[in-house]
């Protein structure tokens, strides 16, 4: 019998902004830009439809989307 899939459970768990920040940056390759509270708040402001009424985050729903958005957003700050 198979045990629980801990990676999947971790990925699907709905967490607070602070917990998402820590889990997002955990084991992220050095070449990738890191998340910060201000960046995550900006992302949530720009994409409120991606958040349910509870306002919680999940790696499964938000990590890839945030990771794709972040470099383009950082470039707009440089301009």
PDB file of N, CA and C in Angstrom:
ATOM      1  N   UNK A   1       0.838  -1.188   0.000  1.00  0.00           N
ATOM      2  CA  UNK A   1       0.000   0.000   0.000  1.00  0.00           C
ATOM      3  C   UNK A   1       0.882   1.249   0.000  1.00  0.00           C
ATOM      4  N   UNK A   2       0.472   2.204  -0.787  1.00  0.00           N
ATOM      5  CA  UNK A   2       1.214   3.456  -0.908  1.00  0.00           C
ATOM      6  C   UNK A   2       0.933   4.386   0.255  1.00  0.00           C
ATOM      7  N   UNK A   3       1.974   5.054   0.721  1.00  0.00           N
ATOM      8  CA  UNK A   3       1.807   6.053   1.773  1.00  0.00           C
ATOM      9  C   UNK A   3       1.328   7.366   1.185  1.00  0.00           C
ATOM     10  N   UNK A   4       1.082   8.339   2.021  1.00  0.00           N
ATOM     11  CA  UNK A   4       0.609   9.641   1.539  1.00  0.00           C
ATOM     12  C   UNK A   4       1.695  10.342   0.712  1.00  0.00           C
ATOM     13  N   UNK A   5       1.282  11.082  -0.273  1.00  0.00           N
ATOM     14  CA  UNK A   5       2.186  11.860  -1.118  1.00  0.00           C
ATOM     15  C   UNK A   5       2.417  13.209  -0.430  1.00  0.00           C
ATOM     16  N   UNK A   6       3.492  13.291   0.337  1.00  0.00           N
ATOM     17  CA  UNK A   6       3.753  14.489   1.142  1.00  0.00           C
ATOM     18  C   UNK A   6       4.033  15.714   0.284  1.00  0.00           C
ATOM     19  N   UNK A   7       4.725  15.533  -0.857  1.00  0.00           N
ATOM     20  CA  UNK A   7       4.990  16.673  -1.734  1.00  0.00           C
ATOM     21  C   UNK A   7       3.693  17.232  -2.301  1.00  0.00           C
ATOM     22  N   UNK A   8       2.799  16.349  -2.688  1.00  0.00           N
ATOM     23  CA  UNK A   8       1.513  16.806  -3.222  1.00  0.00           C
ATOM     24  C   UNK A   8       0.705  17.515  -2.140  1.00  0.00           C
ATOM     25  N   UNK A   9       0.673  16.940  -0.948  1.00  0.00           N
ATOM     26  CA  UNK A   9      -0.058  17.567   0.151  1.00  0.00           C
ATOM     27  C   UNK A   9       0.503  18.957   0.445  1.00  0.00           C
ATOM     28  N   UNK A  10       1.824  19.079   0.460  1.00  0.00           N
ATOM     29  CA  UNK A  10       2.473  20.372   0.714  1.00  0.00           C
ATOM     30  C   UNK A  10       2.121  21.362  -0.389  1.00  0.00           C
ATOM     31  N   UNK A  11       2.115  20.887  -1.620  1.00  0.00           N
ATOM     32  CA  UNK A  11       1.837  21.743  -2.760  1.00  0.00           C
ATOM     33  C   UNK A  11       0.390  22.240  -2.773  1.00  0.00           C
ATOM     34  N   UNK A  12      -0.544  21.405  -2.383  1.00  0.00           N
ATOM     35  CA  UNK A  12      -1.963  21.758  -2.438  1.00  0.00           C
ATOM     36  C   UNK A  12      -2.476  22.464  -1.190  1.00  0.00           C
ATOM     37  N   UNK A  13      -1.702  22.421  -0.128  1.00  0.00           N
ATOM     38  CA  UNK A  13      -2.134  23.041   1.127  1.00  0.00           C
ATOM     39  C   UNK A  13      -2.280  24.555   0.951  1.00  0.00           C
ATOM     40  N   UNK A  14      -3.344  25.108   1.477  1.00  0.00           N
ATOM     41  CA  UNK A  14      -3.590  26.550   1.422  1.00  0.00           C
ATOM     42  C   UNK A  14      -2.931  27.190   2.644  1.00  0.00           C
ATOM     43  N   UNK A  15      -2.092  28.199   2.385  1.00  0.00           N
ATOM     44  CA  UNK A  15      -1.266  28.768   3.448  1.00  0.00           C
ATOM     45  C   UNK A  15      -1.334  30.290   3.439  1.00  0.00           C
ATOM     46  N   UNK A  16      -0.841  30.877   4.502  1.00  0.00           N
ATOM     47  CA  UNK A  16      -0.777  32.331   4.609  1.00  0.00           C
ATOM     48  C   UNK A  16       0.313  32.878   3.686  1.00  0.00           C
ATOM     49  N   UNK A  17       0.285  34.164   3.511  1.00  0.00           N
ATOM     50  CA  UNK A  17       1.283  34.846   2.693  1.00  0.00           C
ATOM     51  C   UNK A  17       2.698  34.566   3.204  1.00  0.00           C
ATOM     52  N   UNK A  18       2.910  34.678   4.501  1.00  0.00           N
ATOM     53  CA  UNK A  18       4.241  34.463   5.081  1.00  0.00           C
ATOM     54  C   UNK A  18       4.724  33.029   4.871  1.00  0.00           C
ATOM     55  N   UNK A  19       3.838  32.071   5.008  1.00  0.00           N
ATOM     56  CA  UNK A  19       4.215  30.676   4.801  1.00  0.00           C
ATOM     57  C   UNK A  19       4.530  30.426   3.333  1.00  0.00           C
ATOM     58  N   UNK A  20       3.719  30.987   2.443  1.00  0.00           N
ATOM     59  CA  UNK A  20       3.988  30.845   1.013  1.00  0.00           C
ATOM     60  C   UNK A  20       5.354  31.428   0.672  1.00  0.00           C
ATOM     61  N   UNK A  21       5.655  32.583   1.209  1.00  0.00           N
ATOM     62  CA  UNK A  21       6.951  33.224   0.965  1.00  0.00           C
ATOM     63  C   UNK A  21       8.093  32.286   1.333  1.00  0.00           C
ATOM     64  N   UNK A  22       8.035  31.712   2.500  1.00  0.00           N
ATOM     65  CA  UNK A  22       9.100  30.803   2.950  1.00  0.00           C
ATOM     66  C   UNK A  22       9.174  29.564   2.066  1.00  0.00           C
ATOM     67  N   UNK A  23       8.023  28.993   1.730  1.00  0.00           N
ATOM     68  CA  UNK A  23       8.011  27.768   0.932  1.00  0.00           C
ATOM     69  C   UNK A  23       8.414  28.050  -0.518  1.00  0.00           C
ATOM     70  N   UNK A  24       8.042  29.200  -1.038  1.00  0.00           N
ATOM     71  CA  UNK A  24       8.421  29.566  -2.400  1.00  0.00           C
ATOM     72  C   UNK A  24       9.938  29.678  -2.514  1.00  0.00           C
ATOM     73  N   UNK A  25      10.549  30.373  -1.592  1.00  0.00           N
ATOM     74  CA  UNK A  25      11.992  30.607  -1.653  1.00  0.00           C
ATOM     75  C   UNK A  25      12.818  29.390  -1.251  1.00  0.00           C
ATOM     76  N   UNK A  26      12.206  28.428  -0.572  1.00  0.00           N
ATOM     77  CA  UNK A  26      12.911  27.229  -0.129  1.00  0.00           C
ATOM     78  C   UNK A  26      13.380  26.412  -1.332  1.00  0.00           C
ATOM     79  N   UNK A  27      14.655  26.160  -1.389  1.00  0.00           N
ATOM     80  CA  UNK A  27      15.271  25.332  -2.436  1.00  0.00           C
ATOM     81  C   UNK A  27      15.124  25.912  -3.841  1.00  0.00           C
ATOM     82  N   UNK A  28      14.875  27.202  -3.950  1.00  0.00           N
ATOM     83  CA  UNK A  28      14.787  27.863  -5.245  1.00  0.00           C
ATOM     84  C   UNK A  28      16.205  28.031  -5.789  1.00  0.00           C
ATOM     85  N   UNK A  29      16.450  27.655  -7.046  1.00  0.00           N
ATOM     86  CA  UNK A  29      17.798  27.837  -7.604  1.00  0.00           C
ATOM     87  C   UNK A  29      18.247  29.294  -7.507  1.00  0.00           C
ATOM     88  N   UNK A  30      19.532  29.491  -7.319  1.00  0.00           N
ATOM     89  CA  UNK A  30      20.059  30.843  -7.129  1.00  0.00           C
ATOM     90  C   UNK A  30      19.790  31.761  -8.308  1.00  0.00           C
ATOM     91  N   UNK A  31      19.656  31.217  -9.505  1.00  0.00           N
ATOM     92  CA  UNK A  31      19.430  32.033 -10.696  1.00  0.00           C
ATOM     93  C   UNK A  31      18.043  32.668 -10.725  1.00  0.00           C
ATOM     94  N   UNK A  32      17.120  32.155  -9.935  1.00  0.00           N
ATOM     95  CA  UNK A  32      15.756  32.668  -9.921  1.00  0.00           C
ATOM     96  C   UNK A  32      15.639  33.811  -8.923  1.00  0.00           C
ATOM     97  N   UNK A  33      14.861  34.856  -9.292  1.00  0.00           N
ATOM     98  CA  UNK A  33      14.650  35.935  -8.328  1.00  0.00           C
ATOM     99  C   UNK A  33      13.807  35.465  -7.150  1.00  0.00           C
ATOM    100  N   UNK A  34      14.137  35.938  -5.995  1.00  0.00           N
ATOM    101  CA  UNK A  34      13.429  35.572  -4.771  1.00  0.00           C
ATOM    102  C   UNK A  34      12.145  36.385  -4.608  1.00  0.00           C
ATOM    103  N   UNK A  35      11.200  35.786  -3.953  1.00  0.00           N
ATOM    104  CA  UNK A  35       9.964  36.481  -3.604  1.00  0.00           C
ATOM    105  C   UNK A  35      10.206  37.296  -2.337  1.00  0.00           C
ATOM    106  N   UNK A  36       9.407  38.330  -2.177  1.00  0.00           N
ATOM    107  CA  UNK A  36       9.419  39.131  -0.955  1.00  0.00           C
ATOM    108  C   UNK A  36       7.969  39.474  -0.637  1.00  0.00           C
ATOM    109  N   UNK A  37       7.726  39.915   0.577  1.00  0.00           N
ATOM    110  CA  UNK A  37       6.359  40.287   0.940  1.00  0.00           C
ATOM    111  C   UNK A  37       5.803  41.384   0.026  1.00  0.00           C
ATOM    112  N   UNK A  38       6.557  42.458  -0.252  1.00  0.00           N
ATOM    113  CA  UNK A  38       6.012  43.493  -1.151  1.00  0.00           C
ATOM    114  C   UNK A  38       5.702  42.953  -2.555  1.00  0.00           C
ATOM    115  N   UNK A  39       6.547  42.075  -3.079  1.00  0.00           N
ATOM    116  CA  UNK A  39       6.298  41.515  -4.408  1.00  0.00           C
ATOM    117  C   UNK A  39       5.065  40.616  -4.409  1.00  0.00           C
ATOM    118  N   UNK A  40       4.910  39.815  -3.384  1.00  0.00           N
ATOM    119  CA  UNK A  40       3.738  38.948  -3.301  1.00  0.00           C
ATOM    120  C   UNK A  40       2.463  39.767  -3.131  1.00  0.00           C
ATOM    121  N   UNK A  41       2.528  40.829  -2.373  1.00  0.00           N
ATOM    122  CA  UNK A  41       1.359  41.700  -2.207  1.00  0.00           C
ATOM    123  C   UNK A  41       0.990  42.377  -3.530  1.00  0.00           C
ATOM    124  N   UNK A  42       1.997  42.814  -4.270  1.00  0.00           N
ATOM    125  CA  UNK A  42       1.754  43.430  -5.580  1.00  0.00           C
ATOM    126  C   UNK A  42       1.099  42.419  -6.526  1.00  0.00           C
ATOM    127  N   UNK A  43       1.596  41.205  -6.533  1.00  0.00           N
ATOM    128  CA  UNK A  43       1.026  40.162  -7.379  1.00  0.00           C
ATOM    129  C   UNK A  43      -0.443  39.928  -7.020  1.00  0.00           C
ATOM    130  N   UNK A  44      -0.729  39.833  -5.743  1.00  0.00           N
ATOM    131  CA  UNK A  44      -2.109  39.601  -5.298  1.00  0.00           C
ATOM    132  C   UNK A  44      -3.017  40.777  -5.677  1.00  0.00           C
ATOM    133  N   UNK A  45      -2.486  41.987  -5.627  1.00  0.00           N
ATOM    134  CA  UNK A  45      -3.254  43.168  -6.024  1.00  0.00           C
ATOM    135  C   UNK A  45      -3.570  43.133  -7.519  1.00  0.00           C
ATOM    136  N   UNK A  46      -2.612  42.716  -8.319  1.00  0.00           N
ATOM    137  CA  UNK A  46      -2.796  42.690  -9.767  1.00  0.00           C
ATOM    138  C   UNK A  46      -3.674  41.531 -10.239  1.00  0.00           C
ATOM    139  N   UNK A  47      -3.699  40.448  -9.499  1.00  0.00           N
ATOM    140  CA  UNK A  47      -4.431  39.241  -9.916  1.00  0.00           C
ATOM    141  C   UNK A  47      -5.364  38.738  -8.811  1.00  0.00           C
ATOM    142  N   UNK A  48      -6.306  39.559  -8.386  1.00  0.00           N
ATOM    143  CA  UNK A  48      -7.188  39.140  -7.292  1.00  0.00           C
ATOM    144  C   UNK A  48      -8.067  37.935  -7.645  1.00  0.00           C
ATOM    145  N   UNK A  49      -8.328  37.731  -8.932  1.00  0.00           N
ATOM    146  CA  UNK A  49      -9.157  36.603  -9.348  1.00  0.00           C
ATOM    147  C   UNK A  49      -8.521  35.251  -9.108  1.00  0.00           C
ATOM    148  N   UNK A  50      -7.224  35.227  -8.872  1.00  0.00           N
ATOM    149  CA  UNK A  50      -6.532  33.963  -8.607  1.00  0.00           C
ATOM    150  C   UNK A  50      -6.638  33.539  -7.152  1.00  0.00           C
ATOM    151  N   UNK A  51      -7.306  34.348  -6.348  1.00  0.00           N
ATOM    152  CA  UNK A  51      -7.400  34.053  -4.927  1.00  0.00           C
ATOM    153  C   UNK A  51      -8.851  33.855  -4.533  1.00  0.00           C
ATOM    154  N   UNK A  52      -9.065  32.815  -3.780  1.00  0.00           N
ATOM    155  CA  UNK A  52     -10.410  32.546  -3.283  1.00  0.00           C
ATOM    156  C   UNK A  52     -10.732  33.536  -2.169  1.00  0.00           C
ATOM    157  N   UNK A  53     -11.929  33.489  -1.688  1.00  0.00           N
ATOM    158  CA  UNK A  53     -12.387  34.424  -0.661  1.00  0.00           C
ATOM    159  C   UNK A  53     -11.501  34.419   0.576  1.00  0.00           C
ATOM    160  N   UNK A  54     -10.847  33.298   0.860  1.00  0.00           N
ATOM    161  CA  UNK A  54     -10.004  33.233   2.058  1.00  0.00           C
ATOM    162  C   UNK A  54      -8.677  33.956   1.876  1.00  0.00           C
ATOM    163  N   UNK A  55      -8.304  34.295   0.628  1.00  0.00           N
ATOM    164  CA  UNK A  55      -7.072  35.031   0.370  1.00  0.00           C
ATOM    165  C   UNK A  55      -5.803  34.234   0.580  1.00  0.00           C
ATOM    166  N   UNK A  56      -5.923  32.926   0.746  1.00  0.00           N
ATOM    167  CA  UNK A  56      -4.751  32.098   0.998  1.00  0.00           C
ATOM    168  C   UNK A  56      -4.052  31.714  -0.305  1.00  0.00           C
ATOM    169  N   UNK A  57      -2.823  31.287  -0.164  1.00  0.00           N
ATOM    170  CA  UNK A  57      -1.967  30.908  -1.273  1.00  0.00           C
ATOM    171  C   UNK A  57      -1.761  29.394  -1.263  1.00  0.00           C
ATOM    172  N   UNK A  58      -1.362  28.852  -2.402  1.00  0.00           N
ATOM    173  CA  UNK A  58      -0.895  27.466  -2.446  1.00  0.00           C
ATOM    174  C   UNK A  58       0.204  27.382  -3.501  1.00  0.00           C
ATOM    175  N   UNK A  59       1.176  26.542  -3.250  1.00  0.00           N
ATOM    176  CA  UNK A  59       2.249  26.367  -4.224  1.00  0.00           C
ATOM    177  C   UNK A  59       1.681  25.859  -5.543  1.00  0.00           C
ATOM    178  N   UNK A  60       0.714  24.971  -5.462  1.00  0.00           N
ATOM    179  CA  UNK A  60       0.106  24.372  -6.639  1.00  0.00           C
ATOM    180  C   UNK A  60      -0.540  25.432  -7.535  1.00  0.00           C
ATOM    181  N   UNK A  61      -1.261  26.363  -6.963  1.00  0.00           N
ATOM    182  CA  UNK A  61      -1.989  27.368  -7.736  1.00  0.00           C
ATOM    183  C   UNK A  61      -1.159  28.590  -8.098  1.00  0.00           C
ATOM    184  N   UNK A  62      -0.247  28.995  -7.243  1.00  0.00           N
ATOM    185  CA  UNK A  62       0.380  30.302  -7.403  1.00  0.00           C
ATOM    186  C   UNK A  62       1.866  30.305  -7.711  1.00  0.00           C
ATOM    187  N   UNK A  63       2.600  29.267  -7.393  1.00  0.00           N
ATOM    188  CA  UNK A  63       4.057  29.319  -7.556  1.00  0.00           C
ATOM    189  C   UNK A  63       4.468  29.564  -9.001  1.00  0.00           C
ATOM    190  N   UNK A  64       4.000  28.752  -9.922  1.00  0.00           N
ATOM    191  CA  UNK A  64       4.398  28.892 -11.331  1.00  0.00           C
ATOM    192  C   UNK A  64       3.947  30.234 -11.894  1.00  0.00           C
ATOM    193  N   UNK A  65       2.735  30.628 -11.592  1.00  0.00           N
ATOM    194  CA  UNK A  65       2.224  31.905 -12.101  1.00  0.00           C
ATOM    195  C   UNK A  65       3.047  33.078 -11.580  1.00  0.00           C
ATOM    196  N   UNK A  66       3.369  33.048 -10.290  1.00  0.00           N
ATOM    197  CA  UNK A  66       4.186  34.114  -9.717  1.00  0.00           C
ATOM    198  C   UNK A  66       5.580  34.084 -10.324  1.00  0.00           C
ATOM    199  N   UNK A  67       6.126  32.898 -10.494  1.00  0.00           N
ATOM    200  CA  UNK A  67       7.472  32.734 -11.045  1.00  0.00           C
ATOM    201  C   UNK A  67       7.538  33.285 -12.478  1.00  0.00           C
ATOM    202  N   UNK A  68       6.471  33.105 -13.239  1.00  0.00           N
ATOM    203  CA  UNK A  68       6.429  33.627 -14.609  1.00  0.00           C
ATOM    204  C   UNK A  68       6.262  35.146 -14.630  1.00  0.00           C
ATOM    205  N   UNK A  69       5.485  35.677 -13.710  1.00  0.00           N
ATOM    206  CA  UNK A  69       5.206  37.105 -13.651  1.00  0.00           C
ATOM    207  C   UNK A  69       6.393  37.921 -13.132  1.00  0.00           C
ATOM    208  N   UNK A  70       7.116  37.387 -12.191  1.00  0.00           N
ATOM    209  CA  UNK A  70       8.127  38.145 -11.455  1.00  0.00           C
ATOM    210  C   UNK A  70       9.217  38.766 -12.331  1.00  0.00           C
ATOM    211  N   UNK A  71       9.870  38.048 -13.238  1.00  0.00           N
ATOM    212  CA  UNK A  71      10.938  38.696 -14.028  1.00  0.00           C
ATOM    213  C   UNK A  71      10.434  39.874 -14.863  1.00  0.00           C
ATOM    214  N   UNK A  72       9.262  39.724 -15.476  1.00  0.00           N
ATOM    215  CA  UNK A  72       8.720  40.823 -16.279  1.00  0.00           C
ATOM    216  C   UNK A  72       8.404  42.028 -15.396  1.00  0.00           C
ATOM    217  N   UNK A  73       7.853  41.778 -14.227  1.00  0.00           N
ATOM    218  CA  UNK A  73       7.537  42.877 -13.312  1.00  0.00           C
ATOM    219  C   UNK A  73       8.826  43.575 -12.853  1.00  0.00           C
ATOM    220  N   UNK A  74       9.839  42.816 -12.532  1.00  0.00           N
ATOM    221  CA  UNK A  74      11.089  43.410 -12.082  1.00  0.00           C
ATOM    222  C   UNK A  74      11.721  44.273 -13.186  1.00  0.00           C
ATOM    223  N   UNK A  75      11.547  43.876 -14.445  1.00  0.00           N
ATOM    224  CA  UNK A  75      12.058  44.680 -15.550  1.00  0.00           C
ATOM    225  C   UNK A  75      11.343  46.021 -15.643  1.00  0.00           C
ATOM    226  N   UNK A  76      10.047  46.046 -15.323  1.00  0.00           N
ATOM    227  CA  UNK A  76       9.314  47.319 -15.364  1.00  0.00           C
ATOM    228  C   UNK A  76       9.823  48.269 -14.283  1.00  0.00           C
ATOM    229  N   UNK A  77      10.327  47.736 -13.191  1.00  0.00           N
ATOM    230  CA  UNK A  77      10.851  48.572 -12.116  1.00  0.00           C
ATOM    231  C   UNK A  77      12.198  49.185 -12.510  1.00  0.00           C
ATOM    232  N   UNK A  78      12.933  48.498 -13.387  1.00  0.00           N
ATOM    233  CA  UNK A  78      14.244  48.981 -13.826  1.00  0.00           C
ATOM    234  C   UNK A  78      14.108  50.106 -14.835  1.00  0.00           C
ATOM    235  N   UNK A  79      13.016  50.123 -15.564  1.00  0.00           N
ATOM    236  CA  UNK A  79      12.831  51.118 -16.647  1.00  0.00           C
ATOM    237  C   UNK A  79      12.598  52.507 -16.106  1.00  0.00           C
TER     238      UNK A  79
END
